[in-house]
Protein backbone atom coordinates (compact mmCIF):
# COMPACT_ATOMS: atom_id res chain seq x y z
CA UNK A 1 -60.92 9.95 59.43
CA UNK A 2 -57.94 11.44 57.55
CA UNK A 3 -58.42 12.62 54.02
CA UNK A 4 -55.67 12.56 51.40
CA UNK A 5 -54.15 15.89 50.44
CA UNK A 6 -51.65 16.60 47.71
CA UNK A 7 -49.63 18.79 50.06
CA UNK A 8 -48.61 15.67 52.02
CA UNK A 9 -47.95 13.47 49.00
CA UNK A 10 -44.53 11.89 48.60
CA UNK A 11 -42.60 10.45 45.66
CA UNK A 12 -39.54 8.20 45.71
CA UNK A 13 -37.61 6.86 42.72
CA UNK A 14 -34.98 4.17 42.17
CA UNK A 15 -33.57 2.55 39.06
CA UNK A 16 -34.17 -1.17 38.65
CA UNK A 17 -31.62 -3.90 38.08
CA UNK A 18 -34.29 -6.23 36.69
CA UNK A 19 -37.20 -4.83 34.73
CA UNK A 20 -40.39 -4.80 36.78
CA UNK A 21 -38.68 -5.68 40.08
CA UNK A 22 -38.46 -2.82 42.60
CA UNK A 23 -35.06 -2.66 44.31
CA UNK A 24 -34.88 -3.25 48.05
CA UNK A 25 -33.03 0.04 48.64
CA UNK A 26 -31.51 3.01 46.87
CA UNK A 27 -34.60 5.20 46.57
CA UNK A 28 -34.35 8.98 46.31
CA UNK A 29 -37.00 11.48 47.30
CA UNK A 30 -38.14 13.39 44.21
CA UNK A 31 -39.68 16.85 44.00
CA UNK A 32 -42.79 17.04 41.85
CA UNK A 33 -45.68 19.42 41.19
CA UNK A 34 -48.34 16.91 40.13
CA UNK A 35 -48.70 13.39 38.81
CA UNK A 36 -51.29 11.35 36.96
CA UNK A 37 -49.25 8.15 37.18
CA UNK A 38 -51.58 5.27 37.94
CA UNK A 39 -52.98 1.93 36.85
CA UNK A 40 -56.43 1.33 35.48
CA UNK A 41 -58.31 -1.80 34.49
CA UNK A 42 -61.53 -1.20 32.57
CA UNK A 43 -64.56 -3.47 32.59
CA UNK A 44 -65.95 -5.16 29.49
CA UNK A 45 -69.70 -5.37 29.12
CA UNK A 46 -71.13 -8.83 28.64
CA UNK A 47 -72.32 -9.54 25.09
CA UNK A 48 -74.18 -12.75 25.96
CA UNK A 49 -77.88 -13.16 25.24
CA UNK A 50 -80.59 -15.34 26.64
CA UNK A 51 -80.61 -14.07 30.23
CA UNK A 52 -83.23 -11.35 29.97
CA UNK A 53 -82.90 -7.61 29.58
CA UNK A 54 -80.67 -7.15 32.61
CA UNK A 55 -76.98 -7.53 31.68
CA UNK A 56 -74.66 -10.15 33.09
CA UNK A 57 -71.69 -9.20 35.23
CA UNK A 58 -68.81 -7.48 33.35
CA UNK A 59 -65.33 -9.00 33.11
CA UNK A 60 -61.99 -7.30 33.67
CA UNK A 61 -59.84 -6.16 30.77
CA UNK A 62 -56.02 -5.74 30.64
CA UNK A 63 -54.19 -3.44 33.05
CA UNK A 64 -52.78 -0.14 31.75
CA UNK A 65 -50.26 1.68 33.93
CA UNK A 66 -48.95 5.03 32.74
CA UNK A 67 -49.23 8.76 33.35
CA UNK A 68 -47.43 12.08 33.55
CA UNK A 69 -45.23 13.56 36.26
CA UNK A 70 -44.68 17.32 36.35
CA UNK A 71 -41.26 18.05 37.83
CA UNK A 72 -39.13 21.17 38.32
CA UNK A 73 -36.05 21.77 36.22
CA UNK A 74 -33.46 21.76 38.96
CA UNK A 75 -29.74 21.12 39.24
CA UNK A 76 -29.87 17.70 40.95
CA UNK A 77 -33.16 15.78 40.75
CA UNK A 78 -33.62 16.49 37.05
CA UNK A 79 -30.63 14.27 36.35
CA UNK A 80 -32.71 11.20 37.24
CA UNK A 81 -35.25 12.07 34.54
CA UNK A 82 -32.45 12.72 32.04
CA UNK A 83 -31.01 9.29 32.81
CA UNK A 84 -34.44 7.74 32.23
CA UNK A 85 -34.70 9.58 28.90
CA UNK A 86 -31.20 8.98 27.53
CA UNK A 87 -29.51 6.32 29.65
CA UNK A 88 -26.59 6.58 32.04
CA UNK A 89 -24.41 9.67 31.57
CA UNK A 90 -20.68 10.04 31.12
CA UNK A 91 -19.48 11.81 34.27
CA UNK A 92 -16.30 13.83 34.62
CA UNK A 93 -14.80 16.27 37.11
CA UNK A 94 -14.02 16.14 40.81
CA UNK A 95 -16.82 18.27 42.20
CA UNK A 96 -18.71 19.92 40.74
CA UNK A 97 -19.32 17.02 38.38
CA UNK A 98 -20.31 17.25 34.73
CA UNK A 99 -22.84 14.67 33.55
CA UNK A 100 -23.25 14.30 29.79
CA UNK A 101 -26.33 12.48 28.51
CA UNK A 102 -26.37 11.49 24.84
CA UNK A 103 -29.24 10.46 22.62
CA UNK A 104 -29.27 7.26 20.60
CA UNK A 105 -28.90 4.58 23.30
CA UNK A 106 -30.37 1.23 22.29
CA UNK A 107 -31.51 0.35 25.81
CA UNK A 108 -32.95 2.57 28.51
CA UNK A 109 -33.06 1.98 32.28
CA UNK A 110 -36.34 1.23 34.01
CA UNK A 111 -37.45 2.76 37.29
CA UNK A 112 -39.60 1.98 40.28
CA UNK A 113 -41.57 4.98 41.48
CA UNK A 114 -43.58 5.06 44.69
CA UNK A 115 -46.21 7.69 45.38
CA UNK A 116 -47.42 7.92 48.95
CA UNK A 117 -50.40 9.43 50.72
CA UNK A 118 -49.50 8.80 54.36
CA UNK A 119 -52.78 10.03 55.86
CA UNK A 120 -54.91 7.26 54.27
CA UNK A 121 -52.40 5.44 54.25
CA UNK A 122 -51.78 4.45 50.61
CA UNK A 123 -48.42 3.73 49.06
CA UNK A 124 -48.49 2.80 45.36
CA UNK A 125 -45.35 1.28 43.84
CA UNK A 126 -45.14 1.52 40.05
CA UNK A 127 -42.55 -0.89 38.72
CA UNK A 128 -41.08 -1.11 35.25
CA UNK A 129 -41.44 2.63 34.59
CA UNK A 130 -39.86 3.78 31.32
CA UNK A 131 -39.77 7.35 30.10
CA UNK A 132 -41.71 7.80 26.88
CA UNK A 133 -41.51 11.57 26.49
CA UNK A 134 -40.19 14.66 28.26
CA UNK A 135 -41.17 18.19 27.38
CA UNK A 136 -40.69 21.70 28.73
CA UNK A 137 -41.15 25.31 27.67
CA UNK A 138 -38.90 28.35 27.77
CA UNK A 139 -40.55 31.73 28.28
CA UNK A 140 -39.95 35.05 29.99
CA UNK A 141 -41.68 34.40 33.32
CA UNK A 142 -43.52 31.78 35.34
CA UNK A 143 -42.56 28.52 36.96
CA UNK A 144 -40.13 26.35 35.03
CA UNK A 145 -41.32 22.74 34.97
CA UNK A 146 -41.00 19.71 32.71
CA UNK A 147 -43.55 16.99 32.05
CA UNK A 148 -42.32 13.40 31.97
CA UNK A 149 -44.65 10.86 30.36
CA UNK A 150 -44.12 7.37 31.74
CA UNK A 151 -45.13 3.85 30.75
CA UNK A 152 -45.16 1.42 33.68
CA UNK A 153 -45.62 -2.34 33.92
CA UNK A 154 -47.94 -2.38 36.89
CA UNK A 155 -49.02 -1.04 40.26
CA UNK A 156 -48.75 -2.57 43.72
CA UNK A 157 -50.62 -0.82 46.54
CA UNK A 158 -49.83 -1.18 50.23
CA UNK A 159 -50.38 0.58 53.54
CA UNK A 160 -46.67 0.99 54.32
CA UNK A 161 -43.85 2.33 52.22
CA UNK A 162 -41.56 -0.03 50.31
CA UNK A 163 -38.98 2.68 49.64
CA UNK A 164 -37.49 2.75 53.12
CA UNK A 165 -35.99 6.14 53.95
CA UNK A 166 -35.30 7.82 50.62
CA UNK A 167 -32.14 9.85 50.18
CA UNK A 168 -32.73 13.58 50.08
CA UNK A 169 -31.46 15.97 47.43
CA UNK A 170 -30.82 19.68 47.70
CA UNK A 171 -33.35 21.58 45.63
CA UNK A 172 -31.56 24.11 43.42
CA UNK A 173 -34.21 25.13 40.96
CA UNK A 174 -33.66 26.85 37.63
CA UNK A 175 -35.92 29.73 36.63
CA UNK A 176 -36.95 31.12 33.29
CA UNK A 177 -34.73 34.16 33.92
CA UNK A 178 -31.73 31.76 34.04
CA UNK A 179 -32.40 30.62 30.48
CA UNK A 180 -30.70 31.49 27.20
CA UNK A 181 -30.85 30.23 23.61
CA UNK A 182 -27.96 30.22 21.15
CA UNK A 183 -27.85 29.37 17.44
CA UNK A 184 -24.54 28.05 16.12
CA UNK A 185 -22.82 29.47 19.18
CA UNK A 186 -24.35 32.95 18.90
CA UNK A 187 -27.13 34.28 21.12
CA UNK A 188 -30.50 34.05 19.37
CA UNK A 189 -32.43 37.25 19.97
CA UNK A 190 -36.10 38.23 19.71
CA UNK A 191 -37.27 34.84 21.03
CA UNK A 192 -40.66 35.07 22.74
CA UNK A 193 -41.01 31.40 23.73
CA UNK A 194 -39.70 27.97 22.88
CA UNK A 195 -40.98 24.42 23.32
CA UNK A 196 -38.80 21.30 23.46
CA UNK A 197 -40.13 17.73 23.26
CA UNK A 198 -37.97 14.60 23.28
CA UNK A 199 -39.79 11.31 22.70
CA UNK A 200 -38.46 7.75 22.89
CA UNK A 201 -41.66 6.48 21.21
CA UNK A 202 -41.85 3.41 23.41
CA UNK A 203 -43.30 0.22 21.96
CA UNK A 204 -45.35 -1.63 24.59
CA UNK A 205 -44.77 -5.39 24.53
CA UNK A 206 -48.35 -6.56 25.05
CA UNK A 207 -47.98 -10.31 25.38
CA UNK A 208 -50.45 -12.74 26.93
CA UNK A 209 -49.92 -12.96 30.68
CA UNK A 210 -52.04 -14.14 33.58
CA UNK A 211 -51.65 -10.78 35.37
CA UNK A 212 -52.65 -8.57 32.42
CA UNK A 213 -49.40 -6.59 32.50
CA UNK A 214 -47.04 -5.77 29.65
CA UNK A 215 -43.71 -7.53 29.20
CA UNK A 216 -41.79 -4.35 28.60
CA UNK A 217 -41.55 -1.07 26.71
CA UNK A 218 -38.85 -0.91 24.05
CA UNK A 219 -37.60 2.38 22.58
CA UNK A 220 -38.05 2.83 18.83
CA UNK A 221 -36.98 5.71 16.58
CA UNK A 222 -36.63 8.78 18.79
CA UNK A 223 -38.06 12.17 17.94
CA UNK A 224 -36.94 15.63 19.00
CA UNK A 225 -39.29 18.42 18.03
CA UNK A 226 -40.36 21.81 19.23
CA UNK A 227 -41.25 25.33 18.29
CA UNK A 228 -39.68 28.76 18.49
CA UNK A 229 -41.79 31.90 18.48
CA UNK A 230 -39.80 34.98 17.55
CA UNK A 231 -40.39 38.65 16.93
CA UNK A 232 -39.80 39.14 13.23
CA UNK A 233 -36.69 41.35 13.14
CA UNK A 234 -34.51 39.75 10.46
CA UNK A 235 -34.57 36.97 7.89
CA UNK A 236 -31.90 34.70 9.36
CA UNK A 237 -34.23 31.88 10.36
CA UNK A 238 -36.45 32.30 7.31
CA UNK A 239 -33.44 32.09 5.01
CA UNK A 240 -32.28 28.92 6.75
CA UNK A 241 -35.74 27.41 6.37
CA UNK A 242 -35.84 28.22 2.66
CA UNK A 243 -32.35 26.85 2.07
CA UNK A 244 -33.07 23.68 4.06
CA UNK A 245 -29.82 23.89 6.02
CA UNK A 246 -29.58 22.66 9.62
CA UNK A 247 -28.32 24.68 12.56
CA UNK A 248 -27.32 23.90 16.13
CA UNK A 249 -29.60 25.21 18.86
CA UNK A 250 -28.56 25.28 22.49
CA UNK A 251 -31.05 25.79 25.31
CA UNK A 252 -29.26 26.56 28.56
CA UNK A 253 -29.82 27.50 32.19
CA UNK A 254 -27.20 28.58 34.72
CA UNK A 255 -27.34 29.43 38.40
CA UNK A 256 -25.07 31.98 40.11
CA UNK A 257 -23.76 29.18 42.35
CA UNK A 258 -22.25 27.39 39.33
CA UNK A 259 -24.83 24.69 38.53
CA UNK A 260 -26.03 24.58 34.94
CA UNK A 261 -28.12 22.60 32.48
CA UNK A 262 -27.46 22.76 28.75
CA UNK A 263 -29.52 20.98 26.10
CA UNK A 264 -27.81 21.02 22.72
CA UNK A 265 -29.67 19.99 19.57
CA UNK A 266 -26.99 19.41 16.97
CA UNK A 267 -29.00 19.45 13.74
CA UNK A 268 -32.21 21.48 13.71
CA UNK A 269 -34.28 21.84 10.55
CA UNK A 270 -36.76 24.70 10.25
CA UNK A 271 -39.93 24.77 8.16
CA UNK A 272 -40.82 27.81 6.09
CA UNK A 273 -43.32 29.69 8.28
CA UNK A 274 -46.30 31.83 7.42
CA UNK A 275 -45.55 35.46 8.26
CA UNK A 276 -48.83 37.04 9.30
CA UNK A 277 -49.61 40.69 10.02
CA UNK A 278 -52.54 40.44 12.39
CA UNK A 279 -52.74 44.06 13.54
CA UNK A 280 -50.77 47.10 14.60
CA UNK A 281 -48.72 45.17 17.15
CA UNK A 282 -45.36 43.53 16.48
CA UNK A 283 -45.14 40.77 13.88
CA UNK A 284 -44.22 37.31 15.18
CA UNK A 285 -43.32 34.08 13.44
CA UNK A 286 -43.44 30.51 14.73
CA UNK A 287 -41.00 27.86 13.56
CA UNK A 288 -42.06 24.25 14.30
CA UNK A 289 -38.61 22.69 14.12
CA UNK A 290 -37.46 19.09 13.87
CA UNK A 291 -34.13 17.59 14.82
CA UNK A 292 -32.17 14.80 13.19
CA UNK A 293 -28.91 12.93 13.68
CA UNK A 294 -25.88 15.08 13.02
CA UNK A 295 -23.39 13.23 10.84
CA UNK A 296 -20.36 14.94 12.39
CA UNK A 297 -21.26 14.60 16.08
CA UNK A 298 -22.92 11.23 15.51
CA UNK A 299 -26.07 11.88 17.51
CA UNK A 300 -29.13 14.09 17.65
CA UNK A 301 -28.73 15.86 20.98
CA UNK A 302 -26.63 16.16 24.13
CA UNK A 303 -27.83 17.15 27.61
CA UNK A 304 -25.16 18.38 30.03
CA UNK A 305 -25.86 18.81 33.74
CA UNK A 306 -23.29 20.34 36.09
CA UNK A 307 -23.97 19.89 39.80
CA UNK A 308 -22.72 18.48 43.11
CA UNK A 309 -24.08 14.94 42.55
CA UNK A 310 -21.23 12.52 42.02
CA UNK A 311 -23.12 9.79 40.18
CA UNK A 312 -26.56 8.92 38.85
């Protein structure tokens, strides 16, 4: 009897035309490190009396389908997660192509995601997937991954795949050593680490249905937050925090082959941090920043992906 192993797991993704309806074709094989995407349906204990000390059979509660997917930051597949977070990009160029994703879209596309364990076999199709939050960290070393938090409508499990033969992408992965941070167009030095979190703050539409599923997940006010940990070498960031002025931060990655990913936050506000001297080692300060809509650009952030994919 075969036992499921993560090493043989598969994931395929396609954008839906109708919310909650998996498309018949158009799936793409997605690289991923781990996933907790799944559906659960808890049981409710019986509250009825008069049948002795032994409880009556429980009843089923509503279905909840959600979870996280840990994915690599790469030059091609990451564009699908950016589209889920921000909507369809504006694409220019003739190869390589430049895809510009902008925040502030009123509607977001939904996805169908299938995870497969062929040795069981078990193929779970999650329809109506919407991206609630995406987060990643910049640091000096280690594997560069992002975590996408999804809200799905439901799960359908079968013994054969419903994704057909997914299209394959070339994996061109960014590394931490490819990263750089600029402030108002100038390289920001002494940065130890940085965290970036973009949230759509989805509102689940929990209406009464005979299948226990949600009717949708609508985006509300977005949030873009993070933190920057720096070696305390000058008062530039502290002065900005005290004055309450915004700055533009750009988090970028570039490969020698020409592919790049740039995430520009147009109006970043810094809190006044506590500067602690905890010992003889270097002094560090952490700024838990927040972003807002920039009145000149007209949006909060822009993600630009340059690669060999013609369209998303």
